[in-house]
Amino acid sequence: QVQVVESGGGLVQPGGSLRLSCAVSGITFRMYTLDWYRQVPGKRELVASTGSKGDTNLADSVKGQYTIWRDNARNTVNLQMDKIQPKDTAVYFCHAKFEELEYWGKGIQITVTS
């Protein structure tokens, strides 16, 4: 049984930092591309991705602000969010994909508020 579980969300003040983690079990983790998406009403955005070789990509909207990395020994993928702004308020989803197989977490809320 595949499980994708996000953690680390919550309330954060503007200018603060937050780290999201996603633990994935039940798959051959190292083979999967791992992504973080965020969703606000009416829009879902891919913000960060890391491939099976550890290569990373960030959306233009978060470059210089977010960092993604994977830990194949712990089957986790992390998203470091710095200089957080109100625009970062969203539900963040972890996504694992390999060929036609893909799995989603349930999502975790981040709310930026002073």
N, C-alpha and C. Protein backbone atom coordinates (compact mmCIF):
# COMPACT_ATOMS: atom_id res chain seq x y z
N GLN A 1 0.84 -1.19 0.00
CA GLN A 1 0.00 0.00 0.00
C GLN A 1 0.88 1.25 0.00
N VAL A 2 0.61 2.13 -0.92
CA VAL A 2 1.41 3.34 -1.05
C VAL A 2 0.84 4.42 -0.13
N GLN A 3 1.74 5.06 0.59
CA GLN A 3 1.35 6.18 1.43
C GLN A 3 2.22 7.39 1.12
N VAL A 4 1.60 8.53 0.99
CA VAL A 4 2.28 9.80 0.76
C VAL A 4 1.77 10.76 1.82
N VAL A 5 2.66 11.16 2.73
CA VAL A 5 2.23 11.93 3.90
C VAL A 5 3.07 13.19 4.03
N GLU A 6 2.38 14.33 3.92
CA GLU A 6 3.06 15.61 4.09
C GLU A 6 3.04 16.04 5.55
N SER A 7 4.05 16.80 5.94
CA SER A 7 4.09 17.36 7.29
C SER A 7 4.83 18.69 7.26
N GLY A 8 4.63 19.48 8.32
CA GLY A 8 5.38 20.71 8.47
C GLY A 8 4.64 21.99 8.16
N GLY A 9 3.38 21.89 7.79
CA GLY A 9 2.62 23.10 7.46
C GLY A 9 2.14 23.84 8.68
N GLY A 10 1.35 24.90 8.43
CA GLY A 10 0.78 25.66 9.53
C GLY A 10 0.78 27.14 9.25
N LEU A 11 0.81 27.93 10.32
CA LEU A 11 0.81 29.37 10.22
C LEU A 11 2.24 29.89 10.24
N VAL A 12 2.49 30.91 9.45
CA VAL A 12 3.82 31.51 9.41
C VAL A 12 3.67 33.00 9.12
N GLN A 13 4.57 33.78 9.69
CA GLN A 13 4.53 35.22 9.45
C GLN A 13 5.28 35.59 8.18
N PRO A 14 4.89 36.69 7.56
CA PRO A 14 5.63 37.14 6.37
C PRO A 14 7.11 37.32 6.69
N GLY A 15 7.94 36.85 5.77
CA GLY A 15 9.38 36.93 5.97
C GLY A 15 9.96 35.72 6.68
N GLY A 16 9.11 34.86 7.17
CA GLY A 16 9.56 33.69 7.90
C GLY A 16 9.94 32.54 6.98
N SER A 17 10.28 31.42 7.61
CA SER A 17 10.67 30.22 6.89
C SER A 17 9.86 29.02 7.38
N LEU A 18 9.78 28.05 6.51
CA LEU A 18 9.04 26.82 6.84
C LEU A 18 9.63 25.70 6.02
N ARG A 19 9.64 24.50 6.60
CA ARG A 19 10.11 23.34 5.86
C ARG A 19 9.00 22.31 5.81
N LEU A 20 8.64 21.91 4.61
CA LEU A 20 7.70 20.82 4.41
C LEU A 20 8.46 19.53 4.15
N SER A 21 7.94 18.45 4.68
CA SER A 21 8.50 17.14 4.39
C SER A 21 7.40 16.22 3.88
N CYS A 22 7.81 15.28 3.07
CA CYS A 22 6.87 14.31 2.53
C CYS A 22 7.52 12.94 2.64
N ALA A 23 6.87 12.06 3.35
CA ALA A 23 7.35 10.69 3.51
C ALA A 23 6.53 9.78 2.61
N VAL A 24 7.22 9.00 1.82
CA VAL A 24 6.56 8.10 0.87
C VAL A 24 6.96 6.67 1.17
N SER A 25 5.99 5.80 1.25
CA SER A 25 6.27 4.38 1.48
C SER A 25 5.50 3.55 0.48
N GLY A 26 5.98 2.33 0.25
CA GLY A 26 5.29 1.41 -0.64
C GLY A 26 5.68 1.49 -2.09
N ILE A 27 6.72 2.29 -2.40
CA ILE A 27 7.20 2.39 -3.78
C ILE A 27 8.73 2.28 -3.79
N THR A 28 9.29 2.08 -4.98
CA THR A 28 10.75 2.13 -5.13
C THR A 28 11.10 3.60 -5.27
N PHE A 29 11.29 4.22 -4.14
CA PHE A 29 11.33 5.68 -4.03
C PHE A 29 12.36 6.30 -4.99
N ARG A 30 13.54 5.73 -5.09
CA ARG A 30 14.62 6.36 -5.85
C ARG A 30 14.30 6.48 -7.34
N MET A 31 13.32 5.73 -7.80
CA MET A 31 13.00 5.74 -9.23
C MET A 31 12.00 6.84 -9.60
N TYR A 32 11.38 7.43 -8.59
CA TYR A 32 10.28 8.35 -8.83
C TYR A 32 10.73 9.80 -8.92
N THR A 33 10.06 10.53 -9.77
CA THR A 33 10.11 11.99 -9.74
C THR A 33 9.17 12.46 -8.65
N LEU A 34 9.64 13.41 -7.87
CA LEU A 34 8.88 13.90 -6.73
C LEU A 34 8.63 15.39 -6.90
N ASP A 35 7.40 15.77 -6.70
CA ASP A 35 7.01 17.16 -6.94
C ASP A 35 6.28 17.72 -5.73
N TRP A 36 6.35 19.03 -5.63
CA TRP A 36 5.47 19.78 -4.74
C TRP A 36 4.59 20.68 -5.59
N TYR A 37 3.30 20.57 -5.38
CA TYR A 37 2.33 21.46 -6.00
C TYR A 37 1.70 22.31 -4.90
N ARG A 38 1.17 23.45 -5.30
CA ARG A 38 0.35 24.22 -4.37
C ARG A 38 -0.95 24.61 -5.06
N GLN A 39 -1.98 24.69 -4.26
CA GLN A 39 -3.30 24.95 -4.82
C GLN A 39 -4.00 26.03 -4.03
N VAL A 40 -4.53 26.98 -4.79
CA VAL A 40 -5.44 27.99 -4.26
C VAL A 40 -6.73 27.84 -5.06
N PRO A 41 -7.82 28.43 -4.62
CA PRO A 41 -9.07 28.25 -5.36
C PRO A 41 -8.91 28.58 -6.84
N GLY A 42 -9.18 27.59 -7.67
CA GLY A 42 -9.15 27.77 -9.11
C GLY A 42 -7.81 27.56 -9.78
N LYS A 43 -6.78 27.23 -9.00
CA LYS A 43 -5.45 27.10 -9.63
C LYS A 43 -4.57 26.13 -8.86
N ARG A 44 -3.95 25.22 -9.60
CA ARG A 44 -2.94 24.35 -9.03
C ARG A 44 -1.63 24.61 -9.77
N GLU A 45 -0.57 24.80 -9.03
CA GLU A 45 0.72 25.18 -9.60
C GLU A 45 1.80 24.21 -9.18
N LEU A 46 2.60 23.74 -10.13
CA LEU A 46 3.79 22.95 -9.83
C LEU A 46 4.87 23.93 -9.39
N VAL A 47 5.37 23.81 -8.16
CA VAL A 47 6.35 24.77 -7.67
C VAL A 47 7.76 24.20 -7.62
N ALA A 48 7.91 22.88 -7.44
CA ALA A 48 9.25 22.32 -7.33
C ALA A 48 9.21 20.85 -7.68
N SER A 49 10.33 20.38 -8.26
CA SER A 49 10.39 19.01 -8.71
C SER A 49 11.82 18.50 -8.57
N THR A 50 11.95 17.22 -8.24
CA THR A 50 13.27 16.59 -8.23
C THR A 50 13.17 15.23 -8.90
N GLY A 51 14.08 14.98 -9.84
CA GLY A 51 14.05 13.73 -10.58
C GLY A 51 14.81 12.61 -9.88
N SER A 52 14.81 11.45 -10.51
CA SER A 52 15.43 10.28 -9.92
C SER A 52 16.95 10.43 -9.77
N LYS A 53 17.53 11.33 -10.52
CA LYS A 53 18.98 11.56 -10.43
C LYS A 53 19.32 12.70 -9.49
N GLY A 54 18.30 13.24 -8.83
CA GLY A 54 18.54 14.34 -7.91
C GLY A 54 18.51 15.71 -8.55
N ASP A 55 18.26 15.77 -9.85
CA ASP A 55 18.13 17.06 -10.52
C ASP A 55 16.89 17.76 -9.98
N THR A 56 16.92 19.09 -9.99
CA THR A 56 15.81 19.86 -9.42
C THR A 56 15.35 20.95 -10.39
N ASN A 57 14.09 21.30 -10.26
CA ASN A 57 13.53 22.41 -11.01
C ASN A 57 12.58 23.17 -10.11
N LEU A 58 12.60 24.48 -10.26
CA LEU A 58 11.71 25.35 -9.50
C LEU A 58 10.92 26.23 -10.44
N ALA A 59 9.69 26.48 -10.09
CA ALA A 59 8.90 27.44 -10.85
C ALA A 59 9.53 28.83 -10.73
N ASP A 60 9.37 29.62 -11.75
CA ASP A 60 9.95 30.98 -11.73
C ASP A 60 9.44 31.76 -10.52
N SER A 61 8.21 31.48 -10.12
CA SER A 61 7.60 32.24 -9.04
C SER A 61 8.24 31.97 -7.68
N VAL A 62 9.05 30.91 -7.56
CA VAL A 62 9.65 30.58 -6.27
C VAL A 62 11.17 30.46 -6.33
N LYS A 63 11.77 30.74 -7.47
CA LYS A 63 13.23 30.69 -7.56
C LYS A 63 13.85 31.72 -6.63
N GLY A 64 14.88 31.28 -5.93
CA GLY A 64 15.51 32.16 -4.95
C GLY A 64 14.81 32.16 -3.61
N GLN A 65 13.71 31.43 -3.53
CA GLN A 65 12.92 31.42 -2.30
C GLN A 65 12.74 30.01 -1.75
N TYR A 66 12.51 29.03 -2.64
CA TYR A 66 12.30 27.65 -2.25
C TYR A 66 13.49 26.80 -2.64
N THR A 67 13.68 25.72 -1.89
CA THR A 67 14.68 24.71 -2.21
C THR A 67 14.03 23.34 -2.04
N ILE A 68 14.27 22.46 -2.99
CA ILE A 68 13.75 21.09 -2.89
C ILE A 68 14.93 20.13 -2.90
N TRP A 69 14.82 19.09 -2.10
CA TRP A 69 15.82 18.02 -2.15
C TRP A 69 15.18 16.73 -1.68
N ARG A 70 15.79 15.64 -2.08
CA ARG A 70 15.27 14.33 -1.73
C ARG A 70 16.29 13.57 -0.89
N ASP A 71 15.79 12.68 -0.07
CA ASP A 71 16.64 11.80 0.73
C ASP A 71 16.20 10.37 0.42
N ASN A 72 16.93 9.72 -0.46
CA ASN A 72 16.54 8.37 -0.87
C ASN A 72 16.72 7.35 0.25
N ALA A 73 17.57 7.63 1.21
CA ALA A 73 17.76 6.71 2.33
C ALA A 73 16.56 6.73 3.28
N ARG A 74 15.90 7.89 3.35
CA ARG A 74 14.75 8.04 4.24
C ARG A 74 13.42 8.08 3.52
N ASN A 75 13.48 7.98 2.19
CA ASN A 75 12.25 8.04 1.37
C ASN A 75 11.46 9.31 1.66
N THR A 76 12.16 10.42 1.68
CA THR A 76 11.51 11.69 1.92
C THR A 76 11.93 12.73 0.88
N VAL A 77 11.05 13.67 0.67
CA VAL A 77 11.35 14.83 -0.16
C VAL A 77 10.95 16.06 0.64
N ASN A 78 11.81 17.06 0.62
CA ASN A 78 11.64 18.23 1.47
C ASN A 78 11.55 19.50 0.63
N LEU A 79 10.84 20.45 1.19
CA LEU A 79 10.72 21.75 0.54
C LEU A 79 10.99 22.82 1.58
N GLN A 80 12.12 23.50 1.42
CA GLN A 80 12.46 24.61 2.29
C GLN A 80 11.91 25.89 1.68
N MET A 81 11.13 26.61 2.47
CA MET A 81 10.50 27.84 2.00
C MET A 81 11.03 28.99 2.84
N ASP A 82 11.68 29.93 2.19
CA ASP A 82 12.24 31.09 2.88
C ASP A 82 11.59 32.37 2.38
N LYS A 83 11.77 33.43 3.14
CA LYS A 83 11.22 34.74 2.76
C LYS A 83 9.75 34.61 2.35
N ILE A 84 9.02 33.94 3.19
CA ILE A 84 7.63 33.61 2.87
C ILE A 84 6.80 34.88 2.75
N GLN A 85 5.90 34.87 1.78
CA GLN A 85 5.06 36.02 1.49
C GLN A 85 3.59 35.58 1.51
N PRO A 86 2.67 36.53 1.60
CA PRO A 86 1.25 36.15 1.57
C PRO A 86 0.87 35.31 0.35
N LYS A 87 1.55 35.52 -0.78
CA LYS A 87 1.24 34.74 -1.99
C LYS A 87 1.52 33.25 -1.82
N ASP A 88 2.27 32.89 -0.79
CA ASP A 88 2.59 31.49 -0.55
C ASP A 88 1.49 30.76 0.20
N THR A 89 0.47 31.46 0.61
CA THR A 89 -0.68 30.81 1.26
C THR A 89 -1.35 29.87 0.26
N ALA A 90 -1.44 28.60 0.62
CA ALA A 90 -2.02 27.59 -0.27
C ALA A 90 -2.04 26.26 0.45
N VAL A 91 -2.66 25.29 -0.19
CA VAL A 91 -2.52 23.90 0.22
C VAL A 91 -1.42 23.29 -0.62
N TYR A 92 -0.46 22.66 0.02
CA TYR A 92 0.70 22.09 -0.67
C TYR A 92 0.56 20.58 -0.72
N PHE A 93 0.77 20.05 -1.93
CA PHE A 93 0.62 18.62 -2.16
C PHE A 93 1.95 18.02 -2.60
N CYS A 94 2.23 16.86 -2.07
CA CYS A 94 3.37 16.06 -2.51
C CYS A 94 2.88 15.06 -3.57
N HIS A 95 3.68 14.87 -4.59
CA HIS A 95 3.29 14.02 -5.74
C HIS A 95 4.48 13.18 -6.14
N ALA A 96 4.25 11.90 -6.34
CA ALA A 96 5.29 10.96 -6.79
C ALA A 96 4.86 10.35 -8.11
N LYS A 97 5.78 10.33 -9.06
CA LYS A 97 5.42 9.82 -10.39
C LYS A 97 6.55 9.01 -11.00
N PHE A 98 6.18 7.86 -11.56
CA PHE A 98 7.11 7.04 -12.34
C PHE A 98 6.33 6.42 -13.48
N GLU A 99 6.65 6.82 -14.67
CA GLU A 99 5.95 6.36 -15.88
C GLU A 99 4.44 6.59 -15.66
N GLU A 100 3.63 5.56 -15.76
CA GLU A 100 2.18 5.76 -15.64
C GLU A 100 1.69 5.73 -14.19
N LEU A 101 2.59 5.49 -13.26
CA LEU A 101 2.21 5.42 -11.86
C LEU A 101 2.37 6.78 -11.21
N GLU A 102 1.36 7.19 -10.47
CA GLU A 102 1.49 8.44 -9.73
C GLU A 102 0.64 8.39 -8.47
N TYR A 103 1.14 9.08 -7.45
CA TYR A 103 0.49 9.06 -6.15
C TYR A 103 0.54 10.46 -5.56
N TRP A 104 -0.55 10.80 -4.85
CA TRP A 104 -0.67 12.12 -4.24
C TRP A 104 -0.84 12.02 -2.73
N GLY A 105 -0.30 12.99 -2.05
CA GLY A 105 -0.63 13.15 -0.66
C GLY A 105 -1.95 13.88 -0.52
N LYS A 106 -2.41 13.98 0.72
CA LYS A 106 -3.70 14.63 0.98
C LYS A 106 -3.60 16.15 1.01
N GLY A 107 -2.38 16.64 1.09
CA GLY A 107 -2.19 18.08 1.12
C GLY A 107 -2.04 18.62 2.52
N ILE A 108 -1.34 19.76 2.61
CA ILE A 108 -1.13 20.39 3.90
C ILE A 108 -1.24 21.90 3.71
N GLN A 109 -1.91 22.54 4.66
CA GLN A 109 -2.19 23.97 4.54
C GLN A 109 -1.04 24.80 5.08
N ILE A 110 -0.68 25.82 4.31
CA ILE A 110 0.22 26.87 4.80
C ILE A 110 -0.51 28.19 4.70
N THR A 111 -0.56 28.88 5.81
CA THR A 111 -1.22 30.18 5.85
C THR A 111 -0.23 31.23 6.33
N VAL A 112 -0.06 32.25 5.50
CA VAL A 112 0.85 33.34 5.85
C VAL A 112 0.03 34.47 6.44
N THR A 113 0.30 34.80 7.68
CA THR A 113 -0.50 35.82 8.35
C THR A 113 0.34 36.55 9.38
N SER A 114 0.11 37.83 9.49
CA SER A 114 0.80 38.60 10.51
C SER A 114 -0.08 38.75 11.74
